[in-house]
N, C-alpha and C. Protein backbone atom coordinates (compact mmCIF):
# COMPACT_ATOMS: atom_id res chain seq x y z
N MET A 1 -8.31 1.25 8.36
CA MET A 1 -6.43 1.45 8.94
C MET A 1 -6.34 3.04 8.15
N ARG A 2 -6.26 4.10 8.23
CA ARG A 2 -6.38 4.71 7.15
C ARG A 2 -4.96 5.71 7.89
N ALA A 3 -4.38 5.97 6.86
CA ALA A 3 -2.81 7.22 7.08
C ALA A 3 -3.02 8.80 7.00
N ALA A 4 -3.21 9.38 7.70
CA ALA A 4 -2.84 11.14 7.59
C ALA A 4 -1.80 11.44 7.57
N VAL A 5 -0.38 11.49 8.11
CA VAL A 5 0.00 12.55 8.09
C VAL A 5 1.37 11.68 7.77
N PHE A 6 2.34 12.28 7.01
CA PHE A 6 3.66 11.40 7.32
C PHE A 6 4.90 12.36 7.34
N GLU A 7 5.56 12.53 8.60
CA GLU A 7 6.34 13.55 9.29
C GLU A 7 6.85 14.57 8.64
N LYS A 8 7.34 14.16 7.16
CA LYS A 8 8.86 14.53 6.08
C LYS A 8 8.02 16.13 5.76
N GLY A 9 6.75 15.87 5.76
CA GLY A 9 6.10 16.93 5.24
C GLY A 9 4.58 17.53 5.59
N ALA A 10 3.62 18.23 5.13
CA ALA A 10 2.67 18.67 5.82
C ALA A 10 1.45 18.06 4.93
N ALA A 11 2.09 16.97 3.99
CA ALA A 11 1.18 16.09 2.91
C ALA A 11 0.08 15.38 3.67
N TYR A 12 -1.01 15.25 3.61
CA TYR A 12 -1.94 14.36 3.91
C TYR A 12 -2.84 13.20 2.96
N LEU A 13 -2.50 12.60 3.41
CA LEU A 13 -2.61 11.19 2.42
C LEU A 13 -4.33 10.19 2.52
N ASP A 14 -4.76 10.13 1.68
CA ASP A 14 -5.97 8.98 1.86
C ASP A 14 -5.62 7.51 2.02
N GLU A 15 -4.09 7.21 2.27
CA GLU A 15 -3.84 5.67 2.24
C GLU A 15 -2.37 5.87 3.01
N LEU A 16 -2.14 4.63 3.17
CA LEU A 16 -0.61 4.49 4.10
C LEU A 16 0.56 5.48 3.24
N SER A 17 1.48 5.71 3.30
CA SER A 17 2.44 6.59 2.40
C SER A 17 3.78 5.53 2.85
N THR A 18 4.59 5.38 1.65
CA THR A 18 5.56 5.06 2.03
C THR A 18 7.05 5.99 2.32
N LEU A 19 6.27 7.29 2.36
CA LEU A 19 7.45 8.01 2.41
C LEU A 19 7.91 8.33 3.81
N GLY A 20 7.11 8.56 5.00
CA GLY A 20 7.53 7.96 6.10
C GLY A 20 6.81 7.88 7.21
N LYS A 21 6.43 8.16 8.43
CA LYS A 21 5.74 7.23 9.42
C LYS A 21 4.19 8.01 8.94
N ASN A 22 3.19 6.99 9.31
CA ASN A 22 1.93 7.58 9.23
C ASN A 22 1.36 7.24 10.43
N THR A 23 0.18 8.09 10.75
CA THR A 23 -0.63 7.99 12.42
C THR A 23 -1.53 6.88 11.76
N VAL A 24 -2.04 5.82 12.36
CA VAL A 24 -2.97 5.07 12.41
C VAL A 24 -3.96 5.15 13.31
N ALA A 25 -5.39 5.06 12.83
CA ALA A 25 -6.17 5.19 14.33
C ALA A 25 -7.43 3.89 14.07
N GLU A 26 -7.43 2.82 15.08
CA GLU A 26 -8.56 2.22 15.08
C GLU A 26 -9.44 2.25 15.91
N PHE A 27 -10.82 2.18 15.25
CA PHE A 27 -11.86 2.29 16.17
C PHE A 27 -13.08 1.07 16.03
N TYR A 28 -12.88 1.33 17.36
CA TYR A 28 -13.23 0.20 17.87
C TYR A 28 -14.77 0.65 18.84
N GLN A 29 -16.37 -0.67 18.39
CA GLN A 29 -17.65 0.46 18.29
C GLN A 29 -17.64 0.47 19.92
N GLU A 30 -17.19 -0.22 21.08
CA GLU A 30 -17.71 -0.09 22.28
C GLU A 30 -16.63 0.63 22.82
N ARG A 31 -15.54 0.49 22.61
CA ARG A 31 -14.45 1.29 23.27
C ARG A 31 -13.53 2.15 22.59
N GLY A 32 -14.11 3.02 21.55
CA GLY A 32 -13.88 4.05 20.83
C GLY A 32 -12.68 3.89 20.36
N PHE A 33 -11.42 4.51 20.01
CA PHE A 33 -10.49 4.37 19.39
C PHE A 33 -8.72 4.52 19.70
N ALA A 34 -7.96 3.74 18.68
CA ALA A 34 -6.77 4.50 20.17
C ALA A 34 -6.00 4.59 17.72
N SER A 35 -4.91 5.34 18.74
CA SER A 35 -4.24 6.08 18.04
C SER A 35 -2.78 5.51 17.80
N SER A 36 -1.66 5.41 16.72
CA SER A 36 -0.60 4.76 16.99
C SER A 36 -0.02 5.28 15.25
N LEU A 37 1.70 5.45 15.53
CA LEU A 37 2.61 5.53 14.62
C LEU A 37 3.02 3.98 13.77
N LEU A 38 2.98 4.32 12.39
CA LEU A 38 3.34 3.09 11.91
C LEU A 38 4.78 3.71 11.08
N ASP A 39 6.09 3.22 11.85
CA ASP A 39 7.02 3.50 11.14
C ASP A 39 7.82 2.73 9.91
N VAL A 40 7.17 3.25 8.72
CA VAL A 40 7.61 2.62 7.70
C VAL A 40 9.16 2.39 7.22
N ASP A 41 10.06 2.40 8.16
CA ASP A 41 11.63 2.17 8.36
C ASP A 41 11.83 0.44 8.17
N TYR A 42 10.59 0.35 8.32
CA TYR A 42 11.18 -1.38 8.72
C TYR A 42 10.50 -2.80 7.89
N PHE A 43 10.22 -1.79 6.52
CA PHE A 43 9.55 -2.27 5.25
C PHE A 43 11.51 -2.03 4.32
N PRO A 44 11.22 -2.86 3.49
CA PRO A 44 12.15 -2.94 1.99
C PRO A 44 11.93 -1.60 1.01
N LEU A 45 11.76 -0.34 1.35
CA LEU A 45 11.63 0.59 0.52
C LEU A 45 12.42 1.08 0.02
N GLN A 46 11.93 1.17 -1.43
CA GLN A 46 12.81 2.38 -2.61
C GLN A 46 12.79 3.81 -2.07
N PRO A 47 14.11 4.35 -1.97
CA PRO A 47 13.82 6.02 -1.70
C PRO A 47 12.89 7.18 -2.62
N ALA A 48 11.58 7.18 -2.64
CA ALA A 48 11.26 8.07 -3.05
C ALA A 48 10.26 9.67 -2.69
N THR A 49 10.32 10.21 -3.60
CA THR A 49 9.14 11.32 -3.37
C THR A 49 8.37 11.18 -3.40
N LEU A 50 7.19 12.31 -3.33
CA LEU A 50 5.47 12.18 -3.56
C LEU A 50 5.54 12.06 -5.00
N ALA A 51 6.22 12.94 -5.79
CA ALA A 51 6.51 13.00 -6.89
C ALA A 51 6.60 11.86 -8.03
N ASP A 52 7.45 11.08 -6.96
CA ASP A 52 7.19 9.43 -7.30
C ASP A 52 6.47 8.76 -7.50
N LEU A 53 5.80 8.92 -6.66
CA LEU A 53 4.10 8.62 -6.48
C LEU A 53 2.63 8.85 -7.23
N ALA A 54 3.31 9.98 -7.91
CA ALA A 54 2.18 10.59 -8.52
C ALA A 54 1.10 10.14 -9.61
N GLY A 55 0.35 9.65 -9.55
CA GLY A 55 -0.23 9.25 -10.94
C GLY A 55 -1.07 10.27 -11.90
N GLY A 56 -1.83 9.98 -12.71
CA GLY A 56 -2.00 10.81 -14.07
C GLY A 56 -3.93 10.89 -14.18
N ASP A 57 -3.55 10.89 -15.50
CA ASP A 57 -5.49 10.89 -15.79
C ASP A 57 -5.87 9.63 -16.02
N ARG A 58 -6.97 8.99 -16.00
CA ARG A 58 -7.43 7.50 -15.78
C ARG A 58 -6.74 6.48 -16.59
N GLN A 59 -6.76 6.57 -17.79
CA GLN A 59 -5.67 5.58 -19.00
C GLN A 59 -4.40 5.81 -18.05
N GLN A 60 -3.68 6.85 -17.46
CA GLN A 60 -2.09 7.03 -16.91
C GLN A 60 -2.09 6.06 -15.59
N ASN A 61 -3.52 6.11 -15.22
CA ASN A 61 -3.87 5.31 -14.13
C ASN A 61 -3.59 3.99 -13.70
N ALA A 62 -4.49 3.81 -14.94
CA ALA A 62 -4.71 2.24 -15.50
C ALA A 62 -3.78 1.48 -15.81
N GLU A 63 -2.66 2.23 -16.63
CA GLU A 63 -1.49 1.49 -17.53
C GLU A 63 -0.56 1.27 -16.27
N ILE A 64 -0.28 2.21 -14.89
CA ILE A 64 -0.15 2.16 -13.83
C ILE A 64 -0.32 1.01 -13.60
N VAL A 65 -1.38 0.51 -12.82
CA VAL A 65 -1.81 -0.61 -12.33
C VAL A 65 -1.18 -1.78 -13.36
N ARG A 66 -1.88 -1.86 -13.78
CA ARG A 66 -1.13 -3.03 -15.27
C ARG A 66 0.17 -3.00 -15.20
N ARG A 67 0.92 -2.29 -15.08
CA ARG A 67 2.24 -2.45 -14.45
C ARG A 67 2.37 -3.05 -13.43
N ILE A 68 2.02 -2.91 -12.53
CA ILE A 68 2.30 -3.57 -10.85
C ILE A 68 1.51 -4.42 -10.62
N LEU A 69 1.02 -4.73 -11.43
CA LEU A 69 0.30 -6.00 -11.25
C LEU A 69 0.82 -7.12 -12.32
N ARG A 70 1.33 -6.68 -13.33
CA ARG A 70 2.05 -7.49 -14.27
C ARG A 70 3.58 -7.84 -13.71
N GLY A 71 3.91 -7.23 -12.48
CA GLY A 71 5.43 -7.39 -12.07
C GLY A 71 6.22 -6.62 -13.17
N ASP A 72 5.77 -5.64 -13.68
CA ASP A 72 7.10 -4.73 -14.81
C ASP A 72 7.16 -3.35 -14.34
N GLU A 73 6.47 -2.97 -12.60
CA GLU A 73 6.80 -1.53 -12.32
C GLU A 73 7.03 -1.92 -11.21
N ARG A 74 8.79 -2.13 -10.67
CA ARG A 74 9.28 -1.92 -9.42
C ARG A 74 9.54 -1.38 -8.44
N GLY A 75 8.98 0.13 -9.05
CA GLY A 75 9.50 0.87 -7.92
C GLY A 75 9.36 1.67 -6.73
N PRO A 76 8.81 2.31 -6.50
CA PRO A 76 8.17 2.97 -5.55
C PRO A 76 7.03 3.13 -4.99
N LYS A 77 6.15 3.30 -6.85
CA LYS A 77 4.94 2.86 -7.04
C LYS A 77 4.08 1.36 -6.54
N ARG A 78 5.24 0.53 -6.79
CA ARG A 78 4.57 -0.98 -6.09
C ARG A 78 4.86 -1.00 -4.68
N ASP A 79 6.07 -0.11 -3.81
CA ASP A 79 5.71 -0.50 -2.61
C ASP A 79 4.71 0.24 -1.95
N ALA A 80 3.84 1.27 -2.66
CA ALA A 80 3.32 1.57 -2.27
C ALA A 80 2.20 0.69 -2.18
N VAL A 81 1.90 0.36 -3.14
CA VAL A 81 1.11 -0.94 -3.63
C VAL A 81 1.30 -2.00 -2.47
N LEU A 82 2.27 -2.57 -2.29
CA LEU A 82 2.16 -3.42 -0.94
C LEU A 82 2.24 -3.18 0.69
N LEU A 83 2.49 -1.84 0.92
CA LEU A 83 2.27 -1.17 2.29
C LEU A 83 0.74 -1.46 2.00
N ASN A 84 0.16 -0.94 1.25
CA ASN A 84 -1.56 -0.32 1.71
C ASN A 84 -2.42 -2.06 1.36
N ALA A 85 -1.78 -3.05 0.29
CA ALA A 85 -2.00 -4.27 0.44
C ALA A 85 -1.43 -5.07 1.31
N ALA A 86 -0.53 -4.61 2.44
CA ALA A 86 -0.63 -5.48 3.52
C ALA A 86 -0.96 -4.96 4.89
N ALA A 87 -1.67 -3.98 4.56
CA ALA A 87 -2.66 -3.07 5.67
C ALA A 87 -4.14 -3.84 5.62
N ALA A 88 -4.22 -4.44 4.21
CA ALA A 88 -5.63 -4.73 3.98
C ALA A 88 -5.83 -6.23 4.18
N LEU A 89 -4.35 -6.94 3.66
CA LEU A 89 -4.71 -8.40 4.29
C LEU A 89 -4.55 -8.49 5.85
N PHE A 90 -3.95 -7.95 6.84
CA PHE A 90 -3.93 -7.47 7.97
C PHE A 90 -5.15 -7.30 8.62
N VAL A 91 -5.97 -6.13 8.33
CA VAL A 91 -7.17 -5.93 8.84
C VAL A 91 -8.36 -6.82 8.46
N ALA A 92 -7.96 -7.72 7.15
CA ALA A 92 -8.87 -8.72 6.95
C ALA A 92 -8.59 -10.13 8.07
N ASN A 93 -7.49 -10.22 8.31
CA ASN A 93 -7.34 -11.26 9.34
C ASN A 93 -6.53 -12.51 8.26
N ARG A 94 -6.19 -12.32 6.72
CA ARG A 94 -5.19 -13.00 6.50
C ARG A 94 -3.75 -13.30 7.02
N THR A 95 -3.22 -12.02 7.53
CA THR A 95 -1.86 -12.50 8.14
C THR A 95 -1.43 -11.58 9.33
N ARG A 96 -0.82 -12.27 9.90
CA ARG A 96 -0.69 -11.61 11.26
C ARG A 96 -0.14 -10.61 11.45
N THR A 97 0.60 -10.05 10.81
CA THR A 97 1.48 -8.77 10.81
C THR A 97 1.47 -7.61 9.42
N LEU A 98 1.89 -7.05 9.41
CA LEU A 98 2.09 -6.04 8.01
C LEU A 98 3.04 -6.71 7.23
N ALA A 99 4.32 -6.87 7.89
CA ALA A 99 5.09 -7.76 7.21
C ALA A 99 4.79 -9.25 6.73
N GLU A 100 3.82 -10.26 7.35
CA GLU A 100 3.44 -10.84 6.65
C GLU A 100 2.45 -10.38 5.68
N GLY A 101 2.03 -9.11 5.96
CA GLY A 101 1.34 -8.74 4.01
C GLY A 101 1.92 -8.66 3.40
N TRP A 102 2.99 -7.65 3.31
CA TRP A 102 3.52 -7.07 2.46
C TRP A 102 4.38 -8.85 1.43
N GLU A 103 4.52 -9.31 2.37
CA GLU A 103 5.62 -10.61 1.35
C GLU A 103 4.15 -11.30 0.88
N LEU A 104 3.03 -11.52 1.02
CA LEU A 104 2.12 -12.37 0.62
C LEU A 104 1.73 -11.44 -0.44
N ALA A 105 1.37 -10.20 -0.32
CA ALA A 105 1.24 -8.95 -1.19
C ALA A 105 1.94 -9.29 -2.80
N ALA A 106 3.10 -9.20 -2.15
CA ALA A 106 4.60 -9.23 -3.39
C ALA A 106 4.78 -11.22 -4.01
N ALA A 107 4.17 -11.99 -3.43
CA ALA A 107 3.86 -13.14 -4.04
C ALA A 107 2.46 -13.00 -5.15
N PHE A 108 1.58 -12.48 -4.34
CA PHE A 108 0.98 -12.95 -5.49
C PHE A 108 0.92 -11.92 -6.37
N ILE A 109 1.75 -10.94 -6.84
CA ILE A 109 2.19 -10.16 -7.85
C ILE A 109 3.27 -10.96 -8.55
N ASP A 110 4.53 -11.58 -7.29
CA ASP A 110 5.39 -11.83 -8.39
C ASP A 110 5.03 -13.49 -8.98
N ASN A 111 3.94 -14.34 -8.71
CA ASN A 111 3.72 -15.64 -9.14
C ASN A 111 2.34 -15.54 -10.46
N GLY A 112 2.07 -14.15 -10.91
CA GLY A 112 0.68 -13.49 -11.57
C GLY A 112 -0.58 -13.64 -11.43
N ALA A 113 -0.75 -13.92 -9.94
CA ALA A 113 -2.07 -14.39 -9.61
C ALA A 113 -2.76 -12.88 -9.62
N SER A 114 -2.44 -11.91 -9.09
CA SER A 114 -2.69 -10.46 -9.41
C SER A 114 -3.02 -10.30 -10.59
N TRP A 115 -2.15 -10.17 -12.38
CA TRP A 115 -2.70 -10.08 -12.56
C TRP A 115 -3.45 -10.99 -13.45
N LYS A 116 -3.78 -11.95 -12.91
CA LYS A 116 -4.30 -13.04 -13.65
C LYS A 116 -5.96 -12.42 -13.11
N LYS A 117 -6.27 -12.25 -11.78
CA LYS A 117 -7.84 -11.71 -11.11
C LYS A 117 -7.93 -11.10 -11.91
N LEU A 118 -7.13 -9.70 -12.18
CA LEU A 118 -7.13 -8.41 -12.84
C LEU A 118 -8.11 -8.51 -14.27
N THR A 119 -7.19 -9.64 -14.91
CA THR A 119 -7.56 -9.56 -16.75
C THR A 119 -8.76 -10.96 -16.59
N GLN A 120 -9.21 -11.52 -14.84
CA GLN A 120 -10.28 -12.17 -15.27
C GLN A 120 -11.40 -11.32 -14.47
N LEU A 121 -11.21 -10.55 -14.04
CA LEU A 121 -12.14 -9.59 -13.51
C LEU A 121 -13.02 -8.50 -14.52
N ALA A 122 -11.90 -8.11 -15.90
CA ALA A 122 -12.17 -7.17 -16.56
C ALA A 122 -12.59 -7.84 -17.81
N GLY A 123 -12.62 -9.18 -17.89
CA GLY A 123 -13.46 -10.14 -19.06
C GLY A 123 -13.11 -10.41 -20.22
């Protein structure tokens, strides 16, 4: 699943955006592809702008990830992580819907499982 454009501007992102509708293309080996729009209005998103989602250098980005996975960041950056994690869980057949994926991703963060896994991987 790849996001292409959100309707509120001419910005192109390489992930699903919480800022507006996303064009989603699904590719099938035998049948070609299908495209649809994903309307993020159905998710419990906080109001945000593109600037709210901006990262920084690698140290700043690492700290953003740590803050999200520790549960310290509860703003628009967390929403973006939850939306993209929901899509990953859906594509991997771990959930039946994106909404279910959102809830599962939030639970992993909220119960500390995501932070535990990151610290385990980091050694």
